[in-house]
Amino acid sequence: MKIHPVVMAGGSGTRFWPLSRKDRPKQFLALAGGAPLLAATIARLPPLGKADRTFVVCGPRHAVAARRMLPQLPKENFIVEPCARNTAPCVGLAALHVAARDPQGVLAMLPADHHIAKPAAFREALAAGAQLAERGAVATIGIRPSRPETGYGYLKVGPRLAARSGRGKARLQAFKVERFVEKPDARTAARYLADGGYLWNSGIFVFRADVILEEIRRAMPVLGEQLAQIGAALGTPAYARTLRRVFPECPSISIDFGVMEKSDRIAVVPADFGWSDVGSFAALPDVRATDATGNVAEGDALVIDGRNNVVIATDGRPVAVVGIDDVVVVDAGDAILVCRRDRAQDVRKAVEELTRRGRDEVL
């Protein structure tokens, strides 16, 4: 089975300020320990996804850094967007590139900034999704929920389908998706968990190039026409000029809202491979080693008489947290963040305020 992994590496990662910056967004940080998230995403793909068929989509600001980080990928496999336009145009552009090589090629669209603790189980689920995609489905990987999480979107599971993960491997279940569900409140999330018929939406999709381009044309005809213009120039000297002219005019909308929620081809493979979207500093205890009282302490950081804290010191200066619980303290050298763990999603508000004040030197 030939799978073309496409890693979406265009995010800004503002919820990880002050570690993340415009020139060094979240996917370039080693938030889960070891390698940066982007490098770890690529490293977990073989042997299912080979380097010569793996693509990375990013912006011009990060293209050089991405190529330097991933020398094993061919230079032509880096797809550079002229500007950020969310995931629907990103998916469409990637599908054009894969279709130019293999019109019915199977794409696996992968966020660059997630953590996966069990790569073998991840590849098994991805292969099952690819088998569904070969038959014309738009497959997604749904994560079996382990808690009433309010920070994720959900999938409502429908009738059961059949899927195999590969030669000699165990059968994985697959289902139709009845609907996509927005991030719930705490009571609704608890009901979803008790119901058992809901999965977390991982944002990982698998589909054939021709199928997703058809679905985009049906659900978003304007974007479909714009992609057709870019596709007509692909492989010609006019490509770069056409991309710079057309792509910024594409609607800025997610593939979930723009296409997936309107499609009747959606299937889901439920999986459990230690997935985290590493959505904020509050998620680091889920993907990093902690001490006996649940603290993450990195660099010259220490916690005394405190529980469930995230403390990061990056500039050689000691950072001490004494007698408090459930806080995030990050010293990036030129900027310091202090917040409650339950407000870690709101770090982006600090970035918005610093932007309003014109503090570009710390952004």
Protein backbone atom coordinates (compact mmCIF):
# COMPACT_ATOMS: atom_id res chain seq x y z
CA MET A 1 0.00 0.00 0.00
CA LYS A 2 1.38 3.40 -1.02
CA ILE A 3 0.56 6.14 1.47
CA HIS A 4 1.59 9.75 1.00
CA PRO A 5 1.85 11.31 4.49
CA VAL A 6 1.31 15.07 4.44
CA VAL A 7 2.42 16.85 7.61
CA MET A 8 0.73 20.19 8.21
CA ALA A 9 3.39 22.39 9.82
CA GLY A 10 1.95 25.87 9.39
CA GLY A 11 0.60 26.58 12.89
CA SER A 12 1.75 29.46 15.08
CA GLY A 13 1.42 27.82 18.50
CA THR A 14 0.58 31.01 20.42
CA ARG A 15 -0.54 29.03 23.49
CA PHE A 16 3.12 28.10 24.07
CA TRP A 17 4.42 31.65 24.31
CA PRO A 18 7.03 32.63 25.46
CA LEU A 19 8.75 29.44 24.24
CA SER A 20 7.05 29.65 20.85
CA ARG A 21 7.72 32.65 18.66
CA LYS A 22 6.88 33.65 15.09
CA ASP A 23 10.19 32.21 13.89
CA ARG A 24 9.99 29.15 16.18
CA PRO A 25 6.40 27.96 16.52
CA LYS A 26 5.16 25.05 18.58
CA GLN A 27 6.02 22.31 16.07
CA PHE A 28 9.72 23.26 16.24
CA LEU A 29 9.83 22.80 20.03
CA ALA A 30 10.71 19.60 21.89
CA LEU A 31 7.65 19.87 24.11
CA ALA A 32 7.28 16.13 24.64
CA GLY A 33 10.99 15.67 25.35
CA GLY A 34 13.65 14.53 22.91
CA ALA A 35 13.03 15.64 19.33
CA PRO A 36 10.97 18.64 18.21
CA LEU A 37 7.35 17.72 17.53
CA LEU A 38 7.74 18.07 13.74
CA ALA A 39 10.78 15.78 13.63
CA ALA A 40 9.02 13.25 15.88
CA THR A 41 6.00 13.26 13.56
CA ILE A 42 8.18 12.36 10.57
CA ALA A 43 10.22 9.81 12.53
CA ARG A 44 7.17 7.71 13.49
CA LEU A 45 6.00 7.19 9.91
CA PRO A 46 8.39 4.50 8.53
CA PRO A 47 8.00 1.86 7.32
CA LEU A 48 4.38 2.76 6.53
CA GLY A 49 5.25 6.18 5.12
CA LYS A 50 8.51 6.43 3.19
CA ALA A 51 10.58 9.60 2.93
CA ASP A 52 10.25 9.99 -0.84
CA ARG A 53 6.44 10.03 -0.50
CA THR A 54 6.26 12.24 2.61
CA PHE A 55 5.32 15.91 2.25
CA VAL A 56 5.52 18.86 4.63
CA VAL A 57 3.31 21.93 4.19
CA CYS A 58 4.57 25.11 5.84
CA GLY A 59 4.86 28.85 5.33
CA PRO A 60 7.81 30.71 3.79
CA ARG A 61 8.97 31.88 7.21
CA HIS A 62 9.62 28.30 8.35
CA ALA A 63 10.55 26.52 5.13
CA VAL A 64 14.32 26.79 5.57
CA ALA A 65 14.16 25.58 9.19
CA ALA A 66 11.89 22.67 8.21
CA ARG A 67 14.21 21.56 5.40
CA ARG A 68 17.18 21.76 7.73
CA MET A 69 15.39 19.71 10.38
CA LEU A 70 14.26 17.05 7.87
CA PRO A 71 17.16 16.45 5.45
CA GLN A 72 15.85 12.96 4.65
CA LEU A 73 12.91 14.41 2.69
CA PRO A 74 13.37 15.48 -0.97
CA LYS A 75 13.44 19.25 -1.39
CA GLU A 76 10.47 19.12 -3.78
CA ASN A 77 8.35 17.49 -1.04
CA PHE A 78 8.21 20.74 0.92
CA ILE A 79 5.04 22.55 -0.14
CA VAL A 80 5.34 26.22 0.78
CA GLU A 81 2.13 28.19 1.21
CA PRO A 82 2.49 31.91 0.41
CA CYS A 83 0.40 32.70 3.50
CA ALA A 84 -1.63 30.91 6.15
CA ARG A 85 -5.20 30.12 5.01
CA ASN A 86 -6.23 27.38 7.48
CA THR A 87 -6.47 23.67 6.72
CA ALA A 88 -9.00 23.46 3.86
CA PRO A 89 -6.73 25.25 1.33
CA CYS A 90 -3.74 23.42 2.84
CA VAL A 91 -5.36 20.02 2.25
CA GLY A 92 -6.40 20.99 -1.27
CA LEU A 93 -2.92 22.20 -2.20
CA ALA A 94 -1.34 19.02 -0.87
CA ALA A 95 -3.86 16.90 -2.78
CA LEU A 96 -2.88 18.68 -6.01
CA HIS A 97 0.78 17.79 -5.45
CA VAL A 98 0.02 14.14 -4.69
CA ALA A 99 -2.45 13.89 -7.59
CA ALA A 100 0.26 15.14 -9.97
CA ARG A 101 2.25 12.00 -9.07
CA ASP A 102 -0.64 9.59 -8.47
CA PRO A 103 -4.22 10.78 -9.17
CA GLN A 104 -5.68 8.15 -6.82
CA GLY A 105 -2.84 8.35 -4.33
CA VAL A 106 -3.83 8.02 -0.66
CA LEU A 107 -2.96 11.01 1.52
CA ALA A 108 -2.65 10.84 5.29
CA MET A 109 -3.05 14.39 6.61
CA LEU A 110 -1.19 14.71 9.91
CA PRO A 111 -0.79 17.67 12.28
CA ALA A 112 2.89 18.40 12.95
CA ASP A 113 2.44 19.20 16.63
CA HIS A 114 0.86 16.13 18.23
CA HIS A 115 2.43 13.55 20.53
CA ILE A 116 1.90 9.80 20.06
CA ALA A 117 3.20 7.44 22.72
CA LYS A 118 2.64 4.18 20.76
CA PRO A 119 3.83 4.67 17.16
CA ALA A 120 3.22 1.05 16.08
CA ALA A 121 -0.46 1.27 17.09
CA PHE A 122 -0.66 4.62 15.32
CA ARG A 123 0.66 3.13 12.07
CA GLU A 124 -1.77 0.23 12.37
CA ALA A 125 -4.72 2.62 12.66
CA LEU A 126 -3.38 4.74 9.80
CA ALA A 127 -3.10 1.66 7.57
CA ALA A 128 -6.71 0.73 8.39
CA GLY A 129 -7.78 4.24 7.44
CA ALA A 130 -5.84 3.95 4.19
CA GLN A 131 -7.71 0.78 3.26
CA LEU A 132 -10.99 2.62 3.76
CA ALA A 133 -9.64 5.51 1.69
CA GLU A 134 -8.69 3.22 -1.17
CA ARG A 135 -12.38 2.28 -1.42
CA GLY A 136 -13.41 5.94 -1.67
CA ALA A 137 -14.08 6.82 1.96
CA VAL A 138 -12.80 9.90 3.74
CA ALA A 139 -11.36 8.25 6.83
CA THR A 140 -10.45 9.83 10.13
CA ILE A 141 -8.81 8.44 13.24
CA GLY A 142 -10.97 8.81 16.34
CA ILE A 143 -9.44 8.56 19.80
CA ARG A 144 -11.29 6.60 22.44
CA PRO A 145 -11.89 9.16 25.22
CA SER A 146 -10.38 8.46 28.62
CA ARG A 147 -11.92 11.42 30.45
CA PRO A 148 -14.69 14.02 29.96
CA GLU A 149 -12.43 16.36 27.99
CA THR A 150 -13.85 19.79 27.08
CA GLY A 151 -10.90 20.89 24.96
CA TYR A 152 -11.45 18.49 22.03
CA GLY A 153 -14.05 18.17 19.33
CA TYR A 154 -15.91 14.85 19.17
CA LEU A 155 -17.20 12.44 16.53
CA LYS A 156 -20.60 10.74 16.91
CA VAL A 157 -20.13 7.12 15.85
CA GLY A 158 -22.62 5.56 13.42
CA PRO A 159 -23.04 2.07 11.90
CA ARG A 160 -20.12 -0.32 11.86
CA LEU A 161 -18.02 -0.89 8.73
CA ALA A 162 -15.20 -3.35 8.02
CA ALA A 163 -11.50 -2.57 7.78
CA ARG A 164 -8.24 -4.46 7.98
CA SER A 165 -5.00 -2.91 9.13
CA GLY A 166 -2.73 -4.92 6.83
CA ARG A 167 -1.47 -8.39 5.94
CA GLY A 168 -1.71 -10.76 8.89
CA LYS A 169 -2.72 -8.06 11.35
CA ALA A 170 -5.79 -8.02 13.55
CA ARG A 171 -8.99 -6.50 12.25
CA LEU A 172 -9.64 -2.95 13.44
CA GLN A 173 -13.17 -1.69 13.76
CA ALA A 174 -14.40 1.11 11.53
CA PHE A 175 -17.65 3.05 11.56
CA LYS A 176 -19.56 5.66 9.65
CA VAL A 177 -19.44 9.09 11.26
CA GLU A 178 -22.90 10.45 12.03
CA ARG A 179 -21.72 13.96 12.77
CA PHE A 180 -18.90 16.16 14.03
CA VAL A 181 -19.52 17.67 17.47
CA GLU A 182 -18.05 20.92 18.75
CA LYS A 183 -16.08 21.17 21.99
CA PRO A 184 -18.63 20.45 24.75
CA ASP A 185 -19.10 21.84 28.23
CA ALA A 186 -18.15 19.64 31.19
CA ARG A 187 -21.62 18.12 31.69
CA THR A 188 -21.97 17.27 27.99
CA ALA A 189 -18.45 15.80 27.86
CA ALA A 190 -19.30 13.55 30.81
CA ARG A 191 -22.43 12.40 28.98
CA TYR A 192 -20.39 11.62 25.85
CA LEU A 193 -17.96 9.55 27.91
CA ALA A 194 -20.75 7.59 29.60
CA ASP A 195 -22.58 7.06 26.30
CA GLY A 196 -19.61 5.30 24.68
CA GLY A 197 -20.68 6.35 21.19
CA TYR A 198 -18.39 9.34 20.88
CA LEU A 199 -14.69 9.65 20.00
CA TRP A 200 -12.25 12.52 20.21
CA ASN A 201 -11.57 14.15 16.84
CA SER A 202 -7.81 13.74 16.35
CA GLY A 203 -7.64 15.91 13.22
CA ILE A 204 -5.95 13.04 11.34
CA PHE A 205 -7.60 12.27 7.97
CA VAL A 206 -6.88 9.72 5.24
CA PHE A 207 -8.33 9.96 1.71
CA ARG A 208 -7.51 9.59 -1.96
CA ALA A 209 -6.35 12.73 -3.75
CA ASP A 210 -9.13 12.58 -6.34
CA VAL A 211 -11.79 12.00 -3.66
CA ILE A 212 -10.87 14.96 -1.46
CA LEU A 213 -10.57 17.29 -4.45
CA GLU A 214 -14.06 16.18 -5.52
CA GLU A 215 -15.39 16.74 -2.01
CA ILE A 216 -13.85 20.23 -1.93
CA ARG A 217 -15.43 21.09 -5.29
CA ARG A 218 -18.82 19.91 -4.03
CA ALA A 219 -18.75 21.56 -0.60
CA MET A 220 -16.67 24.66 -1.44
CA PRO A 221 -16.99 25.40 -5.17
CA VAL A 222 -15.07 28.67 -4.96
CA LEU A 223 -12.08 26.95 -3.35
CA GLY A 224 -12.44 24.15 -5.88
CA GLU A 225 -12.10 26.62 -8.74
CA GLN A 226 -9.11 28.31 -7.11
CA LEU A 227 -7.39 24.95 -6.66
CA ALA A 228 -8.12 24.13 -10.31
CA GLN A 229 -6.24 27.29 -11.34
CA ILE A 230 -3.26 26.33 -9.18
CA GLY A 231 -3.38 22.73 -10.38
CA ALA A 232 -3.33 23.80 -14.03
CA ALA A 233 -0.04 25.61 -13.39
CA LEU A 234 1.56 22.88 -11.29
CA GLY A 235 4.78 21.64 -12.88
CA THR A 236 5.09 24.69 -15.14
CA PRO A 237 7.13 27.91 -14.80
CA ALA A 238 3.88 29.71 -13.97
CA TYR A 239 3.24 27.71 -10.80
CA ALA A 240 4.93 30.00 -8.26
CA ARG A 241 3.35 33.10 -9.75
CA THR A 242 -0.10 31.50 -9.88
CA LEU A 243 0.20 30.23 -6.30
CA ARG A 244 1.19 33.70 -5.03
CA ARG A 245 -1.76 35.25 -6.87
CA VAL A 246 -4.52 32.73 -6.12
CA PHE A 247 -3.74 31.17 -2.75
CA PRO A 248 -4.11 34.34 -0.62
CA GLU A 249 -7.64 34.71 -2.02
CA CYS A 250 -8.67 31.21 -0.88
CA PRO A 251 -11.21 31.14 1.98
CA SER A 252 -9.58 30.75 5.38
CA ILE A 253 -11.53 27.84 6.85
CA SER A 254 -10.72 24.49 8.42
CA ILE A 255 -11.19 21.27 6.47
CA ASP A 256 -13.53 20.09 9.25
CA PHE A 257 -15.95 23.02 8.88
CA GLY A 258 -15.54 23.53 5.16
CA VAL A 259 -15.73 19.96 3.89
CA MET A 260 -15.87 17.12 6.44
CA GLU A 261 -19.07 18.21 8.17
CA LYS A 262 -20.83 18.30 4.78
CA SER A 263 -19.57 14.98 3.46
CA ASP A 264 -21.44 11.67 3.51
CA ARG A 265 -18.22 9.70 2.97
CA ILE A 266 -16.75 10.08 6.45
CA ALA A 267 -15.63 6.90 8.23
CA VAL A 268 -13.72 6.60 11.49
CA VAL A 269 -11.22 4.09 12.85
CA PRO A 270 -11.33 4.14 16.68
CA ALA A 271 -7.84 3.90 18.12
CA ASP A 272 -5.81 4.21 21.29
CA PHE A 273 -2.14 5.03 20.72
CA GLY A 274 -1.33 7.46 23.50
CA TRP A 275 -2.46 10.54 21.60
CA SER A 276 -2.24 14.13 22.79
CA ASP A 277 -2.61 17.30 20.77
CA VAL A 278 -0.25 18.99 23.28
CA GLY A 279 -2.66 21.90 23.23
CA SER A 280 -1.14 24.03 25.99
CA PHE A 281 1.36 23.99 28.83
CA ALA A 282 -1.31 22.26 30.93
CA ALA A 283 -0.90 19.15 28.72
CA LEU A 284 2.83 18.70 29.40
CA PRO A 285 2.35 16.36 32.41
CA ASP A 286 0.55 14.01 29.99
CA VAL A 287 3.59 13.76 27.69
CA ARG A 288 6.56 14.45 29.99
CA ALA A 289 8.01 12.75 33.03
CA THR A 290 6.75 14.16 36.32
CA ASP A 291 7.96 13.91 39.89
CA ALA A 292 6.08 12.08 42.61
CA THR A 293 3.66 14.97 43.09
CA GLY A 294 2.91 15.56 39.40
CA ASN A 295 5.27 18.44 38.69
CA VAL A 296 7.08 19.00 35.39
CA ALA A 297 10.36 20.83 36.11
CA GLU A 298 12.73 21.58 33.23
CA GLY A 299 16.10 23.28 33.25
CA ASP A 300 17.22 24.97 36.47
CA ALA A 301 13.72 24.74 37.93
CA LEU A 302 12.58 23.43 41.30
CA VAL A 303 9.26 22.95 43.07
CA ILE A 304 9.01 22.86 46.86
CA ASP A 305 5.79 21.84 48.59
CA GLY A 306 3.78 22.12 45.40
CA ARG A 307 1.77 19.76 43.21
CA ASN A 308 0.85 19.53 39.53
CA ASN A 309 2.93 22.50 38.43
CA VAL A 310 4.74 23.13 35.13
CA VAL A 311 7.97 25.05 35.69
CA ILE A 312 10.42 25.67 32.84
CA ALA A 313 13.70 27.55 33.09
CA THR A 314 15.55 27.97 29.79
CA ASP A 315 18.21 30.62 30.38
CA GLY A 316 20.33 29.17 33.17
CA ARG A 317 18.57 31.15 35.90
CA PRO A 318 17.02 29.19 38.79
CA VAL A 319 13.23 29.34 38.90
CA ALA A 320 11.70 28.23 42.21
CA VAL A 321 8.02 27.62 42.94
CA VAL A 322 7.24 27.24 46.63
CA GLY A 323 4.01 26.24 48.34
CA ILE A 324 1.59 26.57 45.42
CA ASP A 325 -0.21 24.08 43.19
CA ASP A 326 -1.46 23.95 39.60
CA VAL A 327 0.51 26.83 38.10
CA VAL A 328 2.58 27.32 34.96
CA VAL A 329 5.83 29.30 35.19
CA VAL A 330 8.00 29.66 32.08
CA ASP A 331 11.17 31.76 31.91
CA ALA A 332 12.28 32.15 28.28
CA GLY A 333 15.11 34.55 29.04
CA ASP A 334 13.52 37.66 27.55
CA ALA A 335 9.96 37.01 28.74
CA ILE A 336 8.26 35.23 31.64
CA LEU A 337 4.84 33.60 31.79
CA VAL A 338 2.94 32.90 35.01
CA CYS A 339 -0.60 31.52 34.93
CA ARG A 340 -2.89 28.97 36.51
CA ARG A 341 -2.87 25.59 34.74
CA ASP A 342 -6.60 25.81 34.17
CA ARG A 343 -6.04 29.10 32.29
CA ALA A 344 -3.22 27.81 30.08
CA GLN A 345 -5.47 27.97 26.99
CA ASP A 346 -5.65 31.74 27.51
CA VAL A 347 -1.92 32.34 27.01
CA ARG A 348 -2.80 33.38 23.46
CA LYS A 349 -4.55 36.41 24.97
CA ALA A 350 -1.17 37.62 26.24
CA VAL A 351 0.19 37.26 22.71
CA GLU A 352 -2.76 39.26 21.37
CA GLU A 353 -2.14 42.02 23.91
CA LEU A 354 1.60 42.13 23.22
CA THR A 355 0.80 42.35 19.51
CA ARG A 356 -1.57 45.24 20.18
CA ARG A 357 1.22 46.99 22.12
CA GLY A 358 3.69 46.50 19.27
CA ARG A 359 6.09 44.30 21.28
CA ASP A 360 7.38 42.46 18.21
CA GLU A 361 10.76 41.80 19.85
CA VAL A 362 9.18 39.19 22.15
CA LEU A 363 6.79 37.71 19.61
